[in-house]
């Protein structure tokens, strides 16, 4: 399967099939906005006593269909990319 450059994340990870359509949907935009309003700072940075504005929302279980608020955390882009990149590298090692 050949992917268009726009479907490959900056960290080299490939989104799950069907996820791009979901992430572009108005439903996701509403969920994302609600999570970011509830968690205006990056939750990972906050654990390290740093205050960084949230910029994205991460699915803790990596299932974009699981939008339970307990599964979502607001992150800055740096933390989100580091998590996504680490998960991508782990999947590559386990192939």
N, C-alpha and C. Protein backbone atom coordinates (compact mmCIF):
# COMPACT_ATOMS: atom_id res chain seq x y z
N UNK A 1 0.84 -1.18 0.00
CA UNK A 1 0.00 0.00 0.00
C UNK A 1 0.89 1.24 0.00
N UNK A 2 0.68 2.11 -0.92
CA UNK A 2 1.45 3.35 -1.01
C UNK A 2 0.63 4.46 -0.36
N UNK A 3 1.25 5.18 0.55
CA UNK A 3 0.58 6.27 1.26
C UNK A 3 0.97 7.60 0.66
N UNK A 4 0.02 8.49 0.61
CA UNK A 4 0.31 9.86 0.21
C UNK A 4 1.14 10.50 1.32
N UNK A 5 2.07 11.41 1.01
CA UNK A 5 2.89 12.05 2.05
C UNK A 5 2.06 12.67 3.16
N UNK A 6 0.87 13.18 2.85
CA UNK A 6 0.07 13.84 3.87
C UNK A 6 -0.52 12.85 4.88
N UNK A 7 -0.48 11.54 4.57
CA UNK A 7 -1.04 10.56 5.50
C UNK A 7 0.02 9.95 6.40
N UNK A 8 1.25 10.41 6.30
CA UNK A 8 2.32 9.93 7.17
C UNK A 8 2.64 11.04 8.15
N UNK A 9 2.61 10.71 9.44
CA UNK A 9 2.88 11.70 10.47
C UNK A 9 4.34 12.15 10.44
N UNK A 10 4.59 13.29 11.06
CA UNK A 10 5.94 13.84 11.12
C UNK A 10 6.94 12.87 11.75
N UNK A 11 6.45 12.03 12.67
CA UNK A 11 7.34 11.10 13.35
C UNK A 11 7.51 9.79 12.58
N UNK A 12 6.90 9.69 11.38
CA UNK A 12 7.04 8.50 10.56
C UNK A 12 5.93 7.49 10.79
N UNK A 13 5.07 7.71 11.77
CA UNK A 13 3.98 6.78 12.05
C UNK A 13 2.89 6.92 11.00
N UNK A 14 2.20 5.83 10.74
CA UNK A 14 1.09 5.83 9.80
C UNK A 14 -0.20 5.73 10.59
N UNK A 15 -1.16 6.62 10.34
CA UNK A 15 -2.43 6.55 11.08
C UNK A 15 -3.20 5.28 10.74
N UNK A 16 -4.00 4.76 11.66
CA UNK A 16 -4.79 3.56 11.37
C UNK A 16 -5.76 3.83 10.22
N UNK A 17 -6.10 2.79 9.46
CA UNK A 17 -7.05 2.98 8.36
C UNK A 17 -8.36 3.58 8.86
N UNK A 18 -8.85 4.58 8.17
CA UNK A 18 -10.11 5.23 8.54
C UNK A 18 -9.97 6.34 9.55
N UNK A 19 -8.81 6.48 10.17
CA UNK A 19 -8.68 7.48 11.23
C UNK A 19 -8.68 8.91 10.70
N UNK A 20 -8.08 9.14 9.53
CA UNK A 20 -8.01 10.50 9.01
C UNK A 20 -9.41 11.07 8.77
N UNK A 21 -10.30 10.25 8.26
CA UNK A 21 -11.68 10.70 8.03
C UNK A 21 -12.30 11.10 9.37
N UNK A 22 -12.07 10.29 10.40
CA UNK A 22 -12.62 10.60 11.72
C UNK A 22 -12.01 11.88 12.28
N UNK A 23 -10.69 12.00 12.22
CA UNK A 23 -10.03 13.16 12.81
C UNK A 23 -10.40 14.47 12.10
N UNK A 24 -10.86 14.38 10.87
CA UNK A 24 -11.32 15.56 10.14
C UNK A 24 -12.81 15.84 10.34
N UNK A 25 -13.50 14.97 11.07
CA UNK A 25 -14.95 15.11 11.23
C UNK A 25 -15.32 16.18 12.26
N UNK A 26 -16.52 16.72 12.13
CA UNK A 26 -16.99 17.71 13.10
C UNK A 26 -17.18 17.06 14.47
N UNK A 27 -17.51 15.77 14.50
CA UNK A 27 -17.67 15.06 15.78
C UNK A 27 -16.36 15.08 16.57
N UNK A 28 -15.25 14.74 15.89
CA UNK A 28 -13.96 14.75 16.58
C UNK A 28 -13.58 16.17 17.00
N UNK A 29 -13.84 17.14 16.15
CA UNK A 29 -13.50 18.52 16.48
C UNK A 29 -14.22 18.97 17.75
N UNK A 30 -15.47 18.53 17.92
CA UNK A 30 -16.22 18.87 19.15
C UNK A 30 -15.62 18.17 20.36
N UNK A 31 -15.30 16.89 20.21
CA UNK A 31 -14.70 16.13 21.32
C UNK A 31 -13.35 16.75 21.69
N UNK A 32 -12.53 17.01 20.69
CA UNK A 32 -11.20 17.58 20.89
C UNK A 32 -11.29 18.93 21.61
N UNK A 33 -12.22 19.76 21.17
CA UNK A 33 -12.40 21.08 21.79
C UNK A 33 -12.82 20.97 23.25
N UNK A 34 -13.73 20.03 23.52
CA UNK A 34 -14.20 19.84 24.90
C UNK A 34 -13.06 19.37 25.81
N UNK A 35 -12.25 18.44 25.32
CA UNK A 35 -11.12 17.93 26.12
C UNK A 35 -10.11 19.04 26.36
N UNK A 36 -9.81 19.82 25.34
CA UNK A 36 -8.82 20.90 25.50
C UNK A 36 -9.34 22.00 26.41
N UNK A 37 -10.64 22.25 26.40
CA UNK A 37 -11.19 23.24 27.35
C UNK A 37 -11.09 22.72 28.78
N UNK A 38 -11.32 21.44 28.96
CA UNK A 38 -11.25 20.83 30.29
C UNK A 38 -9.80 20.68 30.76
N UNK A 39 -8.90 20.47 29.82
CA UNK A 39 -7.47 20.28 30.11
C UNK A 39 -6.67 21.27 29.26
N UNK A 40 -6.63 22.53 29.66
CA UNK A 40 -5.97 23.55 28.83
C UNK A 40 -4.45 23.45 28.79
N UNK A 41 -3.87 22.66 29.68
CA UNK A 41 -2.41 22.49 29.67
C UNK A 41 -2.08 21.02 29.40
N UNK A 42 -0.89 20.80 28.86
CA UNK A 42 -0.42 19.45 28.56
C UNK A 42 -0.36 18.62 29.84
N UNK A 43 -1.01 17.48 29.82
CA UNK A 43 -1.08 16.64 31.01
C UNK A 43 0.25 15.97 31.34
N UNK A 44 1.06 15.67 30.34
CA UNK A 44 2.37 15.07 30.57
C UNK A 44 3.34 16.10 31.15
N UNK A 45 3.32 17.31 30.60
CA UNK A 45 4.18 18.38 31.12
C UNK A 45 3.79 18.70 32.56
N UNK A 46 2.50 18.71 32.82
CA UNK A 46 2.00 19.04 34.16
C UNK A 46 2.55 18.05 35.20
N UNK A 47 2.68 16.78 34.81
CA UNK A 47 3.25 15.78 35.71
C UNK A 47 4.70 16.09 36.05
N UNK A 48 5.38 16.82 35.15
CA UNK A 48 6.77 17.23 35.38
C UNK A 48 6.86 18.66 35.89
N UNK A 49 5.75 19.17 36.41
CA UNK A 49 5.67 20.53 36.97
C UNK A 49 5.99 21.62 35.95
N UNK A 50 5.65 21.37 34.68
CA UNK A 50 5.79 22.37 33.63
C UNK A 50 4.39 22.74 33.16
N UNK A 51 4.19 23.98 32.80
CA UNK A 51 2.90 24.42 32.29
C UNK A 51 3.08 24.77 30.82
N UNK A 52 2.50 23.93 29.97
CA UNK A 52 2.58 24.10 28.52
C UNK A 52 1.17 24.01 27.96
N UNK A 53 0.76 24.94 27.13
CA UNK A 53 -0.59 24.86 26.57
C UNK A 53 -0.81 23.55 25.79
N UNK A 54 -2.00 22.99 25.94
CA UNK A 54 -2.32 21.78 25.16
C UNK A 54 -2.56 22.18 23.71
N UNK A 55 -2.19 21.30 22.80
CA UNK A 55 -2.34 21.56 21.37
C UNK A 55 -3.03 20.41 20.65
N UNK A 56 -3.05 19.24 21.27
CA UNK A 56 -3.66 18.08 20.63
C UNK A 56 -4.27 17.18 21.70
N UNK A 57 -5.02 16.18 21.26
CA UNK A 57 -5.64 15.24 22.17
C UNK A 57 -5.20 13.84 21.78
N UNK A 58 -4.73 13.10 22.76
CA UNK A 58 -4.17 11.76 22.55
C UNK A 58 -5.14 10.69 23.07
N UNK A 59 -5.31 9.61 22.28
CA UNK A 59 -6.06 8.43 22.73
C UNK A 59 -5.07 7.54 23.49
N UNK A 60 -5.26 7.40 24.77
CA UNK A 60 -4.32 6.62 25.58
C UNK A 60 -4.18 5.18 25.09
N UNK A 61 -5.31 4.59 24.65
CA UNK A 61 -5.26 3.19 24.20
C UNK A 61 -5.01 3.07 22.69
N UNK A 62 -4.76 4.20 22.03
CA UNK A 62 -4.50 4.26 20.58
C UNK A 62 -5.66 3.80 19.72
N UNK A 63 -6.86 3.71 20.29
CA UNK A 63 -8.06 3.33 19.54
C UNK A 63 -8.86 4.59 19.27
N UNK A 64 -8.81 5.10 18.04
CA UNK A 64 -9.50 6.35 17.74
C UNK A 64 -11.02 6.23 17.84
N UNK A 65 -11.53 5.01 17.98
CA UNK A 65 -12.97 4.82 18.18
C UNK A 65 -13.37 4.94 19.65
N UNK A 66 -12.40 4.87 20.55
CA UNK A 66 -12.67 4.95 21.99
C UNK A 66 -12.52 6.40 22.45
N UNK A 67 -13.63 7.13 22.42
CA UNK A 67 -13.58 8.55 22.77
C UNK A 67 -14.14 8.82 24.17
N UNK A 68 -14.06 7.84 25.03
CA UNK A 68 -14.42 8.04 26.43
C UNK A 68 -13.44 9.05 27.01
N UNK A 69 -13.94 9.98 27.80
CA UNK A 69 -13.05 11.03 28.33
C UNK A 69 -11.91 10.47 29.16
N UNK A 70 -12.10 9.30 29.78
CA UNK A 70 -11.02 8.68 30.56
C UNK A 70 -9.88 8.20 29.65
N UNK A 71 -10.16 8.04 28.36
CA UNK A 71 -9.16 7.57 27.40
C UNK A 71 -8.45 8.72 26.68
N UNK A 72 -8.88 9.94 26.90
CA UNK A 72 -8.33 11.08 26.17
C UNK A 72 -7.53 11.99 27.09
N UNK A 73 -6.40 12.47 26.60
CA UNK A 73 -5.62 13.43 27.36
C UNK A 73 -5.09 14.51 26.44
N UNK A 74 -5.16 15.74 26.91
CA UNK A 74 -4.67 16.89 26.15
C UNK A 74 -3.16 16.97 26.33
N UNK A 75 -2.46 17.17 25.21
CA UNK A 75 -1.00 17.21 25.22
C UNK A 75 -0.49 18.37 24.37
N UNK A 76 0.72 18.79 24.63
CA UNK A 76 1.39 19.71 23.71
C UNK A 76 1.88 18.86 22.53
N UNK A 77 2.21 19.49 21.43
CA UNK A 77 2.64 18.72 20.26
C UNK A 77 3.93 17.94 20.52
N UNK A 78 4.84 18.52 21.30
CA UNK A 78 6.10 17.82 21.58
C UNK A 78 5.84 16.49 22.30
N UNK A 79 4.99 16.52 23.32
CA UNK A 79 4.67 15.28 24.05
C UNK A 79 3.91 14.30 23.16
N UNK A 80 2.96 14.81 22.38
CA UNK A 80 2.18 13.94 21.52
C UNK A 80 3.07 13.26 20.48
N UNK A 81 3.98 14.02 19.87
CA UNK A 81 4.88 13.43 18.89
C UNK A 81 5.83 12.43 19.54
N UNK A 82 6.29 12.72 20.76
CA UNK A 82 7.20 11.79 21.42
C UNK A 82 6.49 10.49 21.77
N UNK A 83 5.23 10.56 22.18
CA UNK A 83 4.46 9.36 22.50
C UNK A 83 4.18 8.58 21.22
N UNK A 84 3.68 9.26 20.21
CA UNK A 84 3.35 8.59 18.94
C UNK A 84 4.60 7.99 18.31
N UNK A 85 5.70 8.70 18.36
CA UNK A 85 6.95 8.19 17.80
C UNK A 85 7.45 6.97 18.55
N UNK A 86 7.37 6.98 19.88
CA UNK A 86 7.80 5.84 20.69
C UNK A 86 6.93 4.62 20.39
N UNK A 87 5.62 4.84 20.25
CA UNK A 87 4.71 3.74 19.93
C UNK A 87 5.01 3.19 18.54
N UNK A 88 5.29 4.08 17.60
CA UNK A 88 5.61 3.67 16.23
C UNK A 88 6.89 2.84 16.21
N UNK A 89 7.91 3.29 16.94
CA UNK A 89 9.18 2.55 16.98
C UNK A 89 9.02 1.20 17.65
N UNK A 90 8.18 1.10 18.68
CA UNK A 90 7.94 -0.17 19.36
C UNK A 90 7.26 -1.15 18.41
N UNK A 91 6.29 -0.67 17.64
CA UNK A 91 5.61 -1.55 16.67
C UNK A 91 6.61 -2.05 15.64
N UNK A 92 7.52 -1.19 15.17
CA UNK A 92 8.52 -1.60 14.17
C UNK A 92 9.44 -2.67 14.74
N UNK A 93 9.84 -2.53 16.01
CA UNK A 93 10.73 -3.52 16.63
C UNK A 93 10.04 -4.87 16.81
N UNK A 94 8.72 -4.86 17.06
CA UNK A 94 7.99 -6.09 17.34
C UNK A 94 7.49 -6.80 16.08
N UNK A 95 7.83 -6.30 14.91
CA UNK A 95 7.41 -6.95 13.65
C UNK A 95 8.17 -8.23 13.42
